Amino acid sequence: MAEPGVTRNMSRREHLENFAQYISDLKFRERILDRLSNRKPFQNFKILIDSSAYREDWFDFKKEAYNQYVKRLIEERE
């Protein structure tokens, strides 16, 4: 299972793909990855997530990823 996290060089798409790996429902995971490989991936991801049971999971995943990113930045500066 993927761990939430963001790096300086990570693209938005990679972040969304990491979230897809976090989802245990294989069918829904495939739907996410399919949306990310089509035209307007970010808009399609948002539409899919907003109408799913995974909406709050996405917000939690994103929040944790950015918290970890900020912690790493702080640690690098110490």
N, C-alpha and C. Protein backbone atom coordinates (compact mmCIF):
# COMPACT_ATOMS: atom_id res chain seq x y z
N MET A 1 0.84 -1.18 0.00
CA MET A 1 0.00 0.00 0.00
C MET A 1 0.88 1.24 0.00
N ALA A 2 0.52 2.22 -0.79
CA ALA A 2 1.29 3.45 -0.89
C ALA A 2 1.16 4.27 0.38
N GLU A 3 2.21 4.96 0.69
CA GLU A 3 2.19 5.85 1.84
C GLU A 3 1.97 7.27 1.33
N PRO A 4 1.19 8.06 2.06
CA PRO A 4 1.04 9.45 1.65
C PRO A 4 2.40 10.13 1.69
N GLY A 5 2.66 10.96 0.76
CA GLY A 5 3.90 11.71 0.75
C GLY A 5 4.03 12.50 -0.53
N VAL A 6 4.73 13.60 -0.43
CA VAL A 6 4.97 14.45 -1.57
C VAL A 6 6.45 14.78 -1.56
N THR A 7 7.06 14.81 -2.71
CA THR A 7 8.44 15.25 -2.81
C THR A 7 8.48 16.49 -3.69
N ARG A 8 9.58 17.18 -3.65
CA ARG A 8 9.72 18.40 -4.45
C ARG A 8 9.53 18.13 -5.94
N ASN A 9 10.00 16.98 -6.39
CA ASN A 9 9.97 16.68 -7.82
C ASN A 9 8.73 15.91 -8.25
N MET A 10 7.83 15.65 -7.34
CA MET A 10 6.65 14.86 -7.66
C MET A 10 5.62 15.71 -8.40
N SER A 11 5.09 15.18 -9.47
CA SER A 11 4.05 15.88 -10.21
C SER A 11 2.70 15.67 -9.53
N ARG A 12 1.76 16.50 -9.90
CA ARG A 12 0.40 16.33 -9.36
C ARG A 12 -0.16 14.97 -9.75
N ARG A 13 0.12 14.56 -10.97
CA ARG A 13 -0.38 13.27 -11.45
C ARG A 13 0.20 12.13 -10.61
N GLU A 14 1.50 12.20 -10.29
CA GLU A 14 2.11 11.16 -9.46
C GLU A 14 1.46 11.11 -8.08
N HIS A 15 1.12 12.26 -7.54
CA HIS A 15 0.46 12.31 -6.24
C HIS A 15 -0.90 11.61 -6.31
N LEU A 16 -1.64 11.85 -7.38
CA LEU A 16 -2.94 11.20 -7.55
C LEU A 16 -2.78 9.70 -7.78
N GLU A 17 -1.73 9.32 -8.50
CA GLU A 17 -1.46 7.89 -8.71
C GLU A 17 -1.11 7.21 -7.39
N ASN A 18 -0.37 7.90 -6.53
CA ASN A 18 -0.08 7.35 -5.20
C ASN A 18 -1.36 7.11 -4.41
N PHE A 19 -2.28 8.03 -4.51
CA PHE A 19 -3.55 7.85 -3.83
C PHE A 19 -4.27 6.62 -4.38
N ALA A 20 -4.24 6.44 -5.68
CA ALA A 20 -4.89 5.27 -6.29
C ALA A 20 -4.31 3.99 -5.71
N GLN A 21 -3.01 3.95 -5.49
CA GLN A 21 -2.38 2.75 -4.92
C GLN A 21 -2.80 2.53 -3.47
N TYR A 22 -3.22 3.57 -2.82
CA TYR A 22 -3.68 3.52 -1.43
C TYR A 22 -5.06 2.86 -1.32
N ILE A 23 -5.83 2.91 -2.40
CA ILE A 23 -7.20 2.36 -2.42
C ILE A 23 -7.16 0.84 -2.51
N SER A 24 -7.82 0.17 -1.60
CA SER A 24 -7.82 -1.30 -1.61
C SER A 24 -8.83 -1.88 -2.60
N ASP A 25 -9.84 -1.12 -2.97
CA ASP A 25 -10.84 -1.55 -3.95
C ASP A 25 -10.22 -1.50 -5.34
N LEU A 26 -9.87 -2.67 -5.87
CA LEU A 26 -9.14 -2.73 -7.14
C LEU A 26 -9.92 -2.13 -8.31
N LYS A 27 -11.22 -2.32 -8.32
CA LYS A 27 -12.03 -1.76 -9.42
C LYS A 27 -12.01 -0.23 -9.38
N PHE A 28 -12.15 0.33 -8.19
CA PHE A 28 -12.12 1.78 -8.08
C PHE A 28 -10.72 2.31 -8.39
N ARG A 29 -9.70 1.60 -7.95
CA ARG A 29 -8.31 1.98 -8.25
C ARG A 29 -8.12 2.06 -9.77
N GLU A 30 -8.60 1.06 -10.48
CA GLU A 30 -8.48 1.06 -11.94
C GLU A 30 -9.25 2.22 -12.57
N ARG A 31 -10.39 2.54 -12.00
CA ARG A 31 -11.16 3.69 -12.51
C ARG A 31 -10.36 4.98 -12.34
N ILE A 32 -9.71 5.13 -11.20
CA ILE A 32 -8.88 6.33 -10.98
C ILE A 32 -7.75 6.38 -12.00
N LEU A 33 -7.03 5.28 -12.13
CA LEU A 33 -5.89 5.26 -13.05
C LEU A 33 -6.33 5.49 -14.49
N ASP A 34 -7.49 4.96 -14.84
CA ASP A 34 -8.03 5.19 -16.18
C ASP A 34 -8.32 6.67 -16.39
N ARG A 35 -8.94 7.30 -15.42
CA ARG A 35 -9.24 8.73 -15.53
C ARG A 35 -7.97 9.56 -15.65
N LEU A 36 -6.92 9.14 -14.96
CA LEU A 36 -5.67 9.89 -15.00
C LEU A 36 -4.94 9.74 -16.33
N SER A 37 -5.26 8.70 -17.07
CA SER A 37 -4.59 8.48 -18.35
C SER A 37 -5.35 9.09 -19.53
N ASN A 38 -6.52 9.64 -19.27
CA ASN A 38 -7.33 10.24 -20.32
C ASN A 38 -7.18 11.76 -20.34
N ARG A 39 -7.86 12.37 -21.29
CA ARG A 39 -7.88 13.82 -21.42
C ARG A 39 -8.49 14.44 -20.15
N LYS A 40 -7.98 15.58 -19.74
CA LYS A 40 -8.43 16.31 -18.55
C LYS A 40 -8.38 15.43 -17.29
N PRO A 41 -7.21 14.88 -16.99
CA PRO A 41 -7.12 13.94 -15.87
C PRO A 41 -7.50 14.52 -14.52
N PHE A 42 -7.14 15.75 -14.24
CA PHE A 42 -7.41 16.32 -12.92
C PHE A 42 -8.90 16.61 -12.73
N GLN A 43 -9.53 17.12 -13.77
CA GLN A 43 -10.97 17.36 -13.71
C GLN A 43 -11.72 16.04 -13.55
N ASN A 44 -11.33 15.03 -14.31
CA ASN A 44 -11.99 13.73 -14.23
C ASN A 44 -11.77 13.06 -12.88
N PHE A 45 -10.57 13.21 -12.33
CA PHE A 45 -10.28 12.67 -10.99
C PHE A 45 -11.22 13.32 -9.97
N LYS A 46 -11.31 14.64 -10.02
CA LYS A 46 -12.15 15.36 -9.07
C LYS A 46 -13.61 14.92 -9.17
N ILE A 47 -14.12 14.80 -10.37
CA ILE A 47 -15.51 14.36 -10.55
C ILE A 47 -15.71 12.97 -9.97
N LEU A 48 -14.78 12.07 -10.25
CA LEU A 48 -14.88 10.70 -9.74
C LEU A 48 -14.82 10.66 -8.22
N ILE A 49 -13.84 11.35 -7.64
CA ILE A 49 -13.66 11.33 -6.18
C ILE A 49 -14.83 12.00 -5.47
N ASP A 50 -15.27 13.13 -5.99
CA ASP A 50 -16.36 13.87 -5.33
C ASP A 50 -17.65 13.08 -5.26
N SER A 51 -17.83 12.14 -6.17
CA SER A 51 -19.07 11.35 -6.18
C SER A 51 -18.85 9.94 -5.63
N SER A 52 -17.77 9.75 -4.88
CA SER A 52 -17.44 8.41 -4.38
C SER A 52 -17.42 8.37 -2.86
N ALA A 53 -17.33 7.16 -2.35
CA ALA A 53 -17.19 6.94 -0.91
C ALA A 53 -15.77 7.26 -0.45
N TYR A 54 -14.86 7.53 -1.38
CA TYR A 54 -13.45 7.78 -1.06
C TYR A 54 -13.10 9.25 -0.96
N ARG A 55 -14.08 10.11 -1.01
CA ARG A 55 -13.83 11.56 -0.99
C ARG A 55 -13.06 11.97 0.27
N GLU A 56 -13.53 11.57 1.43
CA GLU A 56 -12.85 11.93 2.67
C GLU A 56 -11.48 11.26 2.76
N ASP A 57 -11.36 10.05 2.24
CA ASP A 57 -10.05 9.38 2.21
C ASP A 57 -9.06 10.19 1.39
N TRP A 58 -9.51 10.77 0.28
CA TRP A 58 -8.65 11.60 -0.56
C TRP A 58 -8.18 12.83 0.22
N PHE A 59 -9.10 13.49 0.91
CA PHE A 59 -8.72 14.67 1.69
C PHE A 59 -7.74 14.30 2.80
N ASP A 60 -7.97 13.19 3.46
CA ASP A 60 -7.06 12.73 4.51
C ASP A 60 -5.68 12.39 3.94
N PHE A 61 -5.67 11.69 2.81
CA PHE A 61 -4.42 11.31 2.15
C PHE A 61 -3.64 12.56 1.76
N LYS A 62 -4.32 13.51 1.14
CA LYS A 62 -3.67 14.74 0.68
C LYS A 62 -3.12 15.54 1.87
N LYS A 63 -3.90 15.65 2.92
CA LYS A 63 -3.46 16.38 4.11
C LYS A 63 -2.22 15.73 4.72
N GLU A 64 -2.24 14.41 4.88
CA GLU A 64 -1.10 13.70 5.45
C GLU A 64 0.13 13.82 4.57
N ALA A 65 -0.06 13.76 3.26
CA ALA A 65 1.06 13.88 2.33
C ALA A 65 1.74 15.24 2.48
N TYR A 66 0.96 16.29 2.53
CA TYR A 66 1.54 17.62 2.66
C TYR A 66 2.13 17.86 4.04
N ASN A 67 1.54 17.29 5.07
CA ASN A 67 2.14 17.38 6.41
C ASN A 67 3.52 16.74 6.42
N GLN A 68 3.64 15.57 5.81
CA GLN A 68 4.94 14.89 5.74
C GLN A 68 5.94 15.71 4.94
N TYR A 69 5.49 16.31 3.86
CA TYR A 69 6.36 17.14 3.02
C TYR A 69 6.90 18.33 3.82
N VAL A 70 6.04 19.01 4.54
CA VAL A 70 6.47 20.16 5.34
C VAL A 70 7.43 19.72 6.44
N LYS A 71 7.16 18.59 7.08
CA LYS A 71 8.08 18.08 8.10
C LYS A 71 9.46 17.82 7.52
N ARG A 72 9.50 17.22 6.33
CA ARG A 72 10.80 16.95 5.69
C ARG A 72 11.53 18.25 5.37
N LEU A 73 10.81 19.26 4.90
CA LEU A 73 11.44 20.54 4.61
C LEU A 73 12.02 21.16 5.87
N ILE A 74 11.29 21.09 6.96
CA ILE A 74 11.78 21.64 8.23
C ILE A 74 13.01 20.88 8.70
N GLU A 75 12.97 19.55 8.61
CA GLU A 75 14.11 18.74 9.04
C GLU A 75 15.35 19.04 8.21
N GLU A 76 15.17 19.29 6.91
CA GLU A 76 16.31 19.60 6.04
C GLU A 76 16.96 20.93 6.42
N ARG A 77 16.20 21.83 6.96
CA ARG A 77 16.73 23.16 7.31
C ARG A 77 17.35 23.20 8.69
N GLU A 78 17.13 22.18 9.49
CA GLU A 78 17.69 22.16 10.85
C GLU A 78 19.12 21.74 10.85
